[in-house]
């Protein structure tokens, strides 16, 4: 596992030093009369490129079926379906540093483990009912991410009309690169997004192929949840998701962002 990942697991993010807006970092509410916590909990964090700071992760939101061809391959009609979201736990984050190949464990219980390459937006602030026109004001930066999926468990629970969280929300199911701040890279709205397995291209599209833009995703999410600093959004994957096995090397690429490489072990 990379040094970034070890740092991620045990590092402490300092809000004042992070370069985020003053007061933007969410503080945990304390109960009246409460004393010290029984034990410390590690804070999931993501490094920021060009800065000696860490972005603390609060929640991970993921949008489903946000590229038309992928929606069709999953049996959905992209012309009719409104956006829908699910969550992963914040400690599902696996940070992989630039130029590194992270060791990614093949998870338990599955025999059909799938890759999904995604643009990830990270928020510096939030709110409720955010208008689309102001949504990007809340974005601190972007990264390249993978929404790893135990597809057989996801489909099996769906067939039983039960929640399919077990297929999406598990340890290290959210590999991610360090963040490129908006101040450095702007807001990527078009550009190639691609994933290769053992140097063979599996997924390839353009960011402009998204059905719902990042701004629209933020607006829709904020109608259901109060978004806050530290929230991150996996913005959907192109078509041709597929299985990987131990020994496979995955390389995710998004124009203008760091490459993300992992080896399944």
C-alpha atoms as a PDB file:
ATOM      1  CA  UNK A   1       0.000   0.000   0.000  1.00  0.00           C
ATOM      2  CA  UNK A   2       1.311   3.450  -0.801  1.00  0.00           C
ATOM      3  CA  UNK A   3       2.644   5.937   1.737  1.00  0.00           C
ATOM      4  CA  UNK A   4      -0.300   8.145   0.849  1.00  0.00           C
ATOM      5  CA  UNK A   5      -2.619   5.363   1.968  1.00  0.00           C
ATOM      6  CA  UNK A   6      -0.891   4.932   5.331  1.00  0.00           C
ATOM      7  CA  UNK A   7      -0.989   8.661   5.808  1.00  0.00           C
ATOM      8  CA  UNK A   8      -4.657   8.638   4.886  1.00  0.00           C
ATOM      9  CA  UNK A   9      -5.460   6.017   7.485  1.00  0.00           C
ATOM     10  CA  UNK A  10      -3.834   7.726  10.461  1.00  0.00           C
ATOM     11  CA  UNK A  11      -3.284  11.361   9.499  1.00  0.00           C
ATOM     12  CA  UNK A  12      -5.081  14.283  11.116  1.00  0.00           C
ATOM     13  CA  UNK A  13      -6.393  17.016   8.842  1.00  0.00           C
ATOM     14  CA  UNK A  14      -6.045  20.564  10.145  1.00  0.00           C
ATOM     15  CA  UNK A  15      -8.820  22.759   8.854  1.00  0.00           C
ATOM     16  CA  UNK A  16      -6.927  26.004   9.211  1.00  0.00           C
ATOM     17  CA  UNK A  17      -4.000  24.695   7.231  1.00  0.00           C
ATOM     18  CA  UNK A  18      -5.975  22.961   4.528  1.00  0.00           C
ATOM     19  CA  UNK A  19      -6.555  25.967   2.328  1.00  0.00           C
ATOM     20  CA  UNK A  20     -10.334  25.482   2.496  1.00  0.00           C
ATOM     21  CA  UNK A  21     -12.655  28.359   3.229  1.00  0.00           C
ATOM     22  CA  UNK A  22     -12.468  29.542   6.842  1.00  0.00           C
ATOM     23  CA  UNK A  23     -15.034  27.803   8.976  1.00  0.00           C
ATOM     24  CA  UNK A  24     -16.056  25.501   6.141  1.00  0.00           C
ATOM     25  CA  UNK A  25     -14.923  22.243   7.756  1.00  0.00           C
ATOM     26  CA  UNK A  26     -17.714  20.444   9.545  1.00  0.00           C
ATOM     27  CA  UNK A  27     -17.237  20.068  13.286  1.00  0.00           C
ATOM     28  CA  UNK A  28     -18.802  17.111  15.118  1.00  0.00           C
ATOM     29  CA  UNK A  29     -21.671  18.025  17.380  1.00  0.00           C
ATOM     30  CA  UNK A  30     -21.066  17.318  21.091  1.00  0.00           C
ATOM     31  CA  UNK A  31     -23.769  16.223  23.492  1.00  0.00           C
ATOM     32  CA  UNK A  32     -24.437  18.320  26.592  1.00  0.00           C
ATOM     33  CA  UNK A  33     -22.232  17.151  29.435  1.00  0.00           C
ATOM     34  CA  UNK A  34     -20.341  14.698  27.247  1.00  0.00           C
ATOM     35  CA  UNK A  35     -16.764  13.893  28.174  1.00  0.00           C
ATOM     36  CA  UNK A  36     -13.900  12.625  26.077  1.00  0.00           C
ATOM     37  CA  UNK A  37     -14.430   9.975  23.438  1.00  0.00           C
ATOM     38  CA  UNK A  38     -13.846   6.399  24.593  1.00  0.00           C
ATOM     39  CA  UNK A  39     -11.277   5.854  21.854  1.00  0.00           C
ATOM     40  CA  UNK A  40      -9.892   7.738  18.812  1.00  0.00           C
ATOM     41  CA  UNK A  41     -11.211   7.122  15.310  1.00  0.00           C
ATOM     42  CA  UNK A  42      -9.067   7.543  12.227  1.00  0.00           C
ATOM     43  CA  UNK A  43     -10.129  10.347   9.867  1.00  0.00           C
ATOM     44  CA  UNK A  44     -10.223   9.420   6.191  1.00  0.00           C
ATOM     45  CA  UNK A  45      -8.277  12.058   4.249  1.00  0.00           C
ATOM     46  CA  UNK A  46      -7.067  12.695   0.696  1.00  0.00           C
ATOM     47  CA  UNK A  47      -3.838  14.557  -0.168  1.00  0.00           C
ATOM     48  CA  UNK A  48      -4.028  17.768  -2.203  1.00  0.00           C
ATOM     49  CA  UNK A  49      -1.583  18.164  -5.100  1.00  0.00           C
ATOM     50  CA  UNK A  50       0.851  21.042  -4.663  1.00  0.00           C
ATOM     51  CA  UNK A  51       0.023  21.482  -0.977  1.00  0.00           C
ATOM     52  CA  UNK A  52       1.188  19.898   2.251  1.00  0.00           C
ATOM     53  CA  UNK A  53      -2.411  19.486   3.377  1.00  0.00           C
ATOM     54  CA  UNK A  54      -5.076  16.797   3.570  1.00  0.00           C
ATOM     55  CA  UNK A  55      -8.742  16.975   2.580  1.00  0.00           C
ATOM     56  CA  UNK A  56     -10.915  15.328   5.294  1.00  0.00           C
ATOM     57  CA  UNK A  57     -13.697  13.091   3.969  1.00  0.00           C
ATOM     58  CA  UNK A  58     -17.152  13.376   5.516  1.00  0.00           C
ATOM     59  CA  UNK A  59     -19.478  11.426   3.205  1.00  0.00           C
ATOM     60  CA  UNK A  60     -19.099   9.643  -0.123  1.00  0.00           C
ATOM     61  CA  UNK A  61     -22.046  10.046  -2.503  1.00  0.00           C
ATOM     62  CA  UNK A  62     -22.220   8.137  -5.794  1.00  0.00           C
ATOM     63  CA  UNK A  63     -24.613   8.688  -8.694  1.00  0.00           C
ATOM     64  CA  UNK A  64     -25.867   5.663 -10.588  1.00  0.00           C
ATOM     65  CA  UNK A  65     -26.147   5.237 -14.366  1.00  0.00           C
ATOM     66  CA  UNK A  66     -25.001   8.719 -15.340  1.00  0.00           C
ATOM     67  CA  UNK A  67     -23.744   7.868 -18.854  1.00  0.00           C
ATOM     68  CA  UNK A  68     -26.461   6.864 -21.324  1.00  0.00           C
ATOM     69  CA  UNK A  69     -24.676   3.806 -22.728  1.00  0.00           C
ATOM     70  CA  UNK A  70     -23.904   2.525 -19.227  1.00  0.00           C
ATOM     71  CA  UNK A  71     -27.527   3.039 -18.213  1.00  0.00           C
ATOM     72  CA  UNK A  72     -28.614   0.918 -21.153  1.00  0.00           C
ATOM     73  CA  UNK A  73     -26.094  -1.844 -20.381  1.00  0.00           C
ATOM     74  CA  UNK A  74     -27.512  -1.967 -16.839  1.00  0.00           C
ATOM     75  CA  UNK A  75     -31.064  -2.319 -18.163  1.00  0.00           C
ATOM     76  CA  UNK A  76     -32.260   1.259 -17.659  1.00  0.00           C
ATOM     77  CA  UNK A  77     -33.757   3.920 -19.943  1.00  0.00           C
ATOM     78  CA  UNK A  78     -31.534   7.022 -19.693  1.00  0.00           C
ATOM     79  CA  UNK A  79     -34.182   9.209 -21.342  1.00  0.00           C
ATOM     80  CA  UNK A  80     -36.668   8.701 -18.507  1.00  0.00           C
ATOM     81  CA  UNK A  81     -34.844   7.889 -15.287  1.00  0.00           C
ATOM     82  CA  UNK A  82     -34.238  10.735 -12.793  1.00  0.00           C
ATOM     83  CA  UNK A  83     -30.857  10.790 -11.021  1.00  0.00           C
ATOM     84  CA  UNK A  84     -30.420   8.429  -8.078  1.00  0.00           C
ATOM     85  CA  UNK A  85     -27.645   8.175  -5.517  1.00  0.00           C
ATOM     86  CA  UNK A  86     -26.140   5.786  -2.998  1.00  0.00           C
ATOM     87  CA  UNK A  87     -23.389   6.137  -0.409  1.00  0.00           C
ATOM     88  CA  UNK A  88     -20.161   4.443   0.567  1.00  0.00           C
ATOM     89  CA  UNK A  89     -18.610   4.761   4.041  1.00  0.00           C
ATOM     90  CA  UNK A  90     -15.901   7.407   4.292  1.00  0.00           C
ATOM     91  CA  UNK A  91     -13.313   4.809   5.301  1.00  0.00           C
ATOM     92  CA  UNK A  92     -13.835   3.001   1.973  1.00  0.00           C
ATOM     93  CA  UNK A  93     -11.275   5.490   0.618  1.00  0.00           C
ATOM     94  CA  UNK A  94      -8.009   4.008  -0.685  1.00  0.00           C
ATOM     95  CA  UNK A  95      -5.618   6.780  -1.702  1.00  0.00           C
ATOM     96  CA  UNK A  96      -3.088   5.932  -4.426  1.00  0.00           C
ATOM     97  CA  UNK A  97      -0.287   8.437  -4.965  1.00  0.00           C
ATOM     98  CA  UNK A  98       0.841   9.822  -8.308  1.00  0.00           C
ATOM     99  CA  UNK A  99       3.044   7.397 -10.202  1.00  0.00           C
ATOM    100  CA  UNK A 100       2.248   4.556  -7.794  1.00  0.00           C
ATOM    101  CA  UNK A 101       0.387   1.279  -8.266  1.00  0.00           C
ATOM    102  CA  UNK A 102      -1.739   0.642  -5.204  1.00  0.00           C
ATOM    103  CA  UNK A 103      -2.285  -2.885  -4.003  1.00  0.00           C
ATOM    104  CA  UNK A 104      -6.035  -3.414  -3.948  1.00  0.00           C
ATOM    105  CA  UNK A 105      -7.378  -6.527  -2.178  1.00  0.00           C
ATOM    106  CA  UNK A 106      -9.909  -8.700  -3.963  1.00  0.00           C
ATOM    107  CA  UNK A 107     -12.844  -8.556  -1.524  1.00  0.00           C
ATOM    108  CA  UNK A 108     -14.634 -11.400   0.243  1.00  0.00           C
ATOM    109  CA  UNK A 109     -17.924 -13.001  -0.844  1.00  0.00           C
ATOM    110  CA  UNK A 110     -17.749 -12.107  -4.556  1.00  0.00           C
ATOM    111  CA  UNK A 111     -16.886 -14.015  -7.723  1.00  0.00           C
ATOM    112  CA  UNK A 112     -17.718 -11.138 -10.085  1.00  0.00           C
ATOM    113  CA  UNK A 113     -15.719  -8.045  -9.120  1.00  0.00           C
ATOM    114  CA  UNK A 114     -16.179  -5.019 -11.419  1.00  0.00           C
ATOM    115  CA  UNK A 115     -14.352  -1.773 -12.189  1.00  0.00           C
ATOM    116  CA  UNK A 116     -16.084   1.605 -12.663  1.00  0.00           C
ATOM    117  CA  UNK A 117     -13.900   4.628 -13.514  1.00  0.00           C
ATOM    118  CA  UNK A 118     -15.324   7.978 -12.332  1.00  0.00           C
ATOM    119  CA  UNK A 119     -14.633  11.703 -12.019  1.00  0.00           C
ATOM    120  CA  UNK A 120     -14.784  12.655  -8.327  1.00  0.00           C
ATOM    121  CA  UNK A 121     -15.780  16.136  -7.123  1.00  0.00           C
ATOM    122  CA  UNK A 122     -14.860  17.157  -3.569  1.00  0.00           C
ATOM    123  CA  UNK A 123     -16.765  19.890  -1.723  1.00  0.00           C
ATOM    124  CA  UNK A 124     -15.348  22.749   0.340  1.00  0.00           C
ATOM    125  CA  UNK A 125     -18.789  23.891   1.531  1.00  0.00           C
ATOM    126  CA  UNK A 126     -22.427  22.923   1.147  1.00  0.00           C
ATOM    127  CA  UNK A 127     -26.006  23.644   2.111  1.00  0.00           C
ATOM    128  CA  UNK A 128     -29.575  22.688   1.281  1.00  0.00           C
ATOM    129  CA  UNK A 129     -31.432  23.283  -1.983  1.00  0.00           C
ATOM    130  CA  UNK A 130     -28.367  24.633  -3.750  1.00  0.00           C
ATOM    131  CA  UNK A 131     -29.285  26.115  -7.153  1.00  0.00           C
ATOM    132  CA  UNK A 132     -27.524  24.582 -10.124  1.00  0.00           C
ATOM    133  CA  UNK A 133     -26.117  27.976 -11.100  1.00  0.00           C
ATOM    134  CA  UNK A 134     -24.228  28.243  -7.776  1.00  0.00           C
ATOM    135  CA  UNK A 135     -23.389  24.586  -7.268  1.00  0.00           C
ATOM    136  CA  UNK A 136     -19.814  24.681  -8.578  1.00  0.00           C
ATOM    137  CA  UNK A 137     -18.965  27.430  -6.059  1.00  0.00           C
ATOM    138  CA  UNK A 138     -18.931  24.652  -3.445  1.00  0.00           C
ATOM    139  CA  UNK A 139     -16.397  22.446  -5.268  1.00  0.00           C
ATOM    140  CA  UNK A 140     -12.841  22.503  -3.911  1.00  0.00           C
ATOM    141  CA  UNK A 141     -11.314  20.213  -6.518  1.00  0.00           C
ATOM    142  CA  UNK A 142     -11.423  16.983  -8.501  1.00  0.00           C
ATOM    143  CA  UNK A 143      -9.772  13.567  -8.524  1.00  0.00           C
ATOM    144  CA  UNK A 144      -9.817  10.311 -10.456  1.00  0.00           C
ATOM    145  CA  UNK A 145     -11.687   7.526  -8.671  1.00  0.00           C
ATOM    146  CA  UNK A 146     -12.872   3.935  -8.970  1.00  0.00           C
ATOM    147  CA  UNK A 147     -16.246   2.733  -7.717  1.00  0.00           C
ATOM    148  CA  UNK A 148     -15.340  -0.922  -7.214  1.00  0.00           C
ATOM    149  CA  UNK A 149     -18.383  -3.187  -7.168  1.00  0.00           C
ATOM    150  CA  UNK A 150     -19.204  -6.732  -6.068  1.00  0.00           C
ATOM    151  CA  UNK A 151     -21.561  -7.111  -9.025  1.00  0.00           C
ATOM    152  CA  UNK A 152     -22.928 -10.547  -8.169  1.00  0.00           C
ATOM    153  CA  UNK A 153     -23.912  -9.352  -4.697  1.00  0.00           C
ATOM    154  CA  UNK A 154     -25.401  -6.135  -6.070  1.00  0.00           C
ATOM    155  CA  UNK A 155     -27.517  -7.972  -8.634  1.00  0.00           C
ATOM    156  CA  UNK A 156     -28.477 -10.756  -6.253  1.00  0.00           C
ATOM    157  CA  UNK A 157     -29.836  -8.321  -3.672  1.00  0.00           C
ATOM    158  CA  UNK A 158     -31.582  -6.328  -6.396  1.00  0.00           C
ATOM    159  CA  UNK A 159     -33.288  -9.475  -7.657  1.00  0.00           C
ATOM    160  CA  UNK A 160     -34.592 -10.032  -4.128  1.00  0.00           C
ATOM    161  CA  UNK A 161     -35.753  -6.399  -3.955  1.00  0.00           C
ATOM    162  CA  UNK A 162     -33.409  -5.791  -1.025  1.00  0.00           C
ATOM    163  CA  UNK A 163     -30.884  -2.974  -0.563  1.00  0.00           C
ATOM    164  CA  UNK A 164     -27.705  -3.693  -2.546  1.00  0.00           C
ATOM    165  CA  UNK A 165     -25.364  -1.785  -0.237  1.00  0.00           C
ATOM    166  CA  UNK A 166     -23.249  -4.932   0.257  1.00  0.00           C
ATOM    167  CA  UNK A 167     -22.318  -4.786  -3.427  1.00  0.00           C
ATOM    168  CA  UNK A 168     -21.019  -1.207  -3.237  1.00  0.00           C
ATOM    169  CA  UNK A 169     -20.122  -0.294   0.350  1.00  0.00           C
ATOM    170  CA  UNK A 170     -17.172  -2.321   1.597  1.00  0.00           C
ATOM    171  CA  UNK A 171     -13.551  -1.893   2.647  1.00  0.00           C
ATOM    172  CA  UNK A 172     -11.355  -0.018   0.132  1.00  0.00           C
ATOM    173  CA  UNK A 173     -14.153   0.087  -2.439  1.00  0.00           C
ATOM    174  CA  UNK A 174     -13.330   3.719  -3.323  1.00  0.00           C
ATOM    175  CA  UNK A 175      -9.752   4.034  -4.683  1.00  0.00           C
ATOM    176  CA  UNK A 176      -8.862   7.651  -5.444  1.00  0.00           C
ATOM    177  CA  UNK A 177      -5.957   9.874  -6.496  1.00  0.00           C
ATOM    178  CA  UNK A 178      -4.782  13.062  -4.779  1.00  0.00           C
ATOM    179  CA  UNK A 179      -6.985  16.080  -5.465  1.00  0.00           C
ATOM    180  CA  UNK A 180      -6.354  18.782  -8.061  1.00  0.00           C
ATOM    181  CA  UNK A 181      -7.806  22.051  -6.647  1.00  0.00           C
ATOM    182  CA  UNK A 182     -10.149  24.059  -8.839  1.00  0.00           C
ATOM    183  CA  UNK A 183      -7.728  26.975  -8.458  1.00  0.00           C
ATOM    184  CA  UNK A 184      -5.152  24.906 -10.372  1.00  0.00           C
ATOM    185  CA  UNK A 185      -7.208  22.819 -12.789  1.00  0.00           C
ATOM    186  CA  UNK A 186     -10.598  24.491 -13.141  1.00  0.00           C
ATOM    187  CA  UNK A 187     -13.853  22.541 -13.564  1.00  0.00           C
ATOM    188  CA  UNK A 188     -13.495  19.629 -16.030  1.00  0.00           C
ATOM    189  CA  UNK A 189     -16.660  19.462 -18.123  1.00  0.00           C
ATOM    190  CA  UNK A 190     -15.219  17.645 -21.130  1.00  0.00           C
ATOM    191  CA  UNK A 191     -12.209  15.489 -21.842  1.00  0.00           C
ATOM    192  CA  UNK A 192     -11.385  11.805 -22.130  1.00  0.00           C
ATOM    193  CA  UNK A 193     -12.222   9.389 -19.330  1.00  0.00           C
ATOM    194  CA  UNK A 194     -10.751   5.917 -19.818  1.00  0.00           C
ATOM    195  CA  UNK A 195      -9.938   2.711 -17.972  1.00  0.00           C
ATOM    196  CA  UNK A 196      -7.525  -0.009 -19.092  1.00  0.00           C
ATOM    197  CA  UNK A 197      -7.013  -3.474 -17.619  1.00  0.00           C
ATOM    198  CA  UNK A 198      -3.579  -4.946 -18.343  1.00  0.00           C
ATOM    199  CA  UNK A 199      -3.123  -2.200 -21.001  1.00  0.00           C
ATOM    200  CA  UNK A 200      -6.313  -3.197 -22.863  1.00  0.00           C
ATOM    201  CA  UNK A 201      -8.896  -0.390 -22.948  1.00  0.00           C
ATOM    202  CA  UNK A 202     -12.176  -1.400 -21.307  1.00  0.00           C
ATOM    203  CA  UNK A 203     -14.025   1.908 -20.740  1.00  0.00           C
ATOM    204  CA  UNK A 204     -13.702   5.095 -22.778  1.00  0.00           C
ATOM    205  CA  UNK A 205     -15.940   8.147 -23.125  1.00  0.00           C
ATOM    206  CA  UNK A 206     -15.931  11.934 -22.744  1.00  0.00           C
ATOM    207  CA  UNK A 207     -16.938  13.760 -19.562  1.00  0.00           C
ATOM    208  CA  UNK A 208     -19.430  15.708 -21.656  1.00  0.00           C
ATOM    209  CA  UNK A 209     -21.343  12.440 -22.133  1.00  0.00           C
ATOM    210  CA  UNK A 210     -22.656  12.659 -18.566  1.00  0.00           C
ATOM    211  CA  UNK A 211     -26.452  12.777 -18.370  1.00  0.00           C
ATOM    212  CA  UNK A 212     -26.357  14.911 -15.195  1.00  0.00           C
ATOM    213  CA  UNK A 213     -23.486  17.395 -14.830  1.00  0.00           C
ATOM    214  CA  UNK A 214     -21.578  17.805 -11.561  1.00  0.00           C
ATOM    215  CA  UNK A 215     -23.523  21.022 -10.904  1.00  0.00           C
ATOM    216  CA  UNK A 216     -26.838  19.207 -11.437  1.00  0.00           C
ATOM    217  CA  UNK A 217     -25.710  16.355  -9.196  1.00  0.00           C
ATOM    218  CA  UNK A 218     -24.924  18.790  -6.383  1.00  0.00           C
ATOM    219  CA  UNK A 219     -28.279  20.529  -6.824  1.00  0.00           C
ATOM    220  CA  UNK A 220     -30.176  17.222  -6.768  1.00  0.00           C
ATOM    221  CA  UNK A 221     -28.255  15.866  -3.782  1.00  0.00           C
ATOM    222  CA  UNK A 222     -28.810  19.044  -1.771  1.00  0.00           C
ATOM    223  CA  UNK A 223     -32.569  18.636  -2.175  1.00  0.00           C
ATOM    224  CA  UNK A 224     -32.337  15.367  -0.244  1.00  0.00           C
ATOM    225  CA  UNK A 225     -29.368  15.976   2.083  1.00  0.00           C
ATOM    226  CA  UNK A 226     -27.654  18.936   3.674  1.00  0.00           C
ATOM    227  CA  UNK A 227     -24.287  18.865   1.935  1.00  0.00           C
ATOM    228  CA  UNK A 228     -21.229  19.922   3.925  1.00  0.00           C
ATOM    229  CA  UNK A 229     -17.511  20.495   3.557  1.00  0.00           C
ATOM    230  CA  UNK A 230     -15.754  17.160   3.198  1.00  0.00           C
ATOM    231  CA  UNK A 231     -18.471  15.522   1.115  1.00  0.00           C
ATOM    232  CA  UNK A 232     -17.266  13.933  -2.116  1.00  0.00           C
ATOM    233  CA  UNK A 233     -19.258  12.862  -5.169  1.00  0.00           C
ATOM    234  CA  UNK A 234     -18.406   9.989  -7.519  1.00  0.00           C
ATOM    235  CA  UNK A 235     -20.047  11.256 -10.698  1.00  0.00           C
ATOM    236  CA  UNK A 236     -20.843   8.065 -12.625  1.00  0.00           C
ATOM    237  CA  UNK A 237     -19.084   5.679 -14.991  1.00  0.00           C
ATOM    238  CA  UNK A 238     -19.117   5.103 -18.767  1.00  0.00           C
ATOM    239  CA  UNK A 239     -20.224   1.854 -20.408  1.00  0.00           C
ATOM    240  CA  UNK A 240     -18.311  -1.441 -20.544  1.00  0.00           C
ATOM    241  CA  UNK A 241     -17.872  -2.059 -16.846  1.00  0.00           C
ATOM    242  CA  UNK A 242     -16.522  -5.553 -16.353  1.00  0.00           C
ATOM    243  CA  UNK A 243     -14.801  -8.104 -14.125  1.00  0.00           C
ATOM    244  CA  UNK A 244     -11.265  -8.142 -12.795  1.00  0.00           C
ATOM    245  CA  UNK A 245      -9.290 -10.898 -11.070  1.00  0.00           C
ATOM    246  CA  UNK A 246      -6.198 -11.135  -8.896  1.00  0.00           C
ATOM    247  CA  UNK A 247      -3.099 -10.023 -10.766  1.00  0.00           C
ATOM    248  CA  UNK A 248      -4.915  -7.552 -13.035  1.00  0.00           C
ATOM    249  CA  UNK A 249      -3.498  -4.019 -13.223  1.00  0.00           C
ATOM    250  CA  UNK A 250      -6.062  -1.240 -13.709  1.00  0.00           C
ATOM    251  CA  UNK A 251      -5.202   2.228 -14.989  1.00  0.00           C
ATOM    252  CA  UNK A 252      -7.811   4.956 -14.835  1.00  0.00           C
ATOM    253  CA  UNK A 253      -7.247   8.179 -16.772  1.00  0.00           C
ATOM    254  CA  UNK A 254      -9.169  11.452 -16.832  1.00  0.00           C
ATOM    255  CA  UNK A 255      -7.828  14.330 -18.900  1.00  0.00           C
ATOM    256  CA  UNK A 256      -6.212  16.952 -16.674  1.00  0.00           C
ATOM    257  CA  UNK A 257      -6.179  14.767 -13.546  1.00  0.00           C
ATOM    258  CA  UNK A 258      -3.696  12.244 -12.110  1.00  0.00           C
ATOM    259  CA  UNK A 259      -3.827   8.669 -13.375  1.00  0.00           C
ATOM    260  CA  UNK A 260      -5.092   6.056 -10.933  1.00  0.00           C
ATOM    261  CA  UNK A 261      -3.384   2.650 -11.000  1.00  0.00           C
ATOM    262  CA  UNK A 262      -4.111  -0.383  -8.822  1.00  0.00           C
ATOM    263  CA  UNK A 263      -3.158  -4.053  -8.882  1.00  0.00           C
ATOM    264  CA  UNK A 264      -5.742  -6.561  -7.693  1.00  0.00           C
ATOM    265  CA  UNK A 265      -4.159  -8.786  -5.040  1.00  0.00           C
END
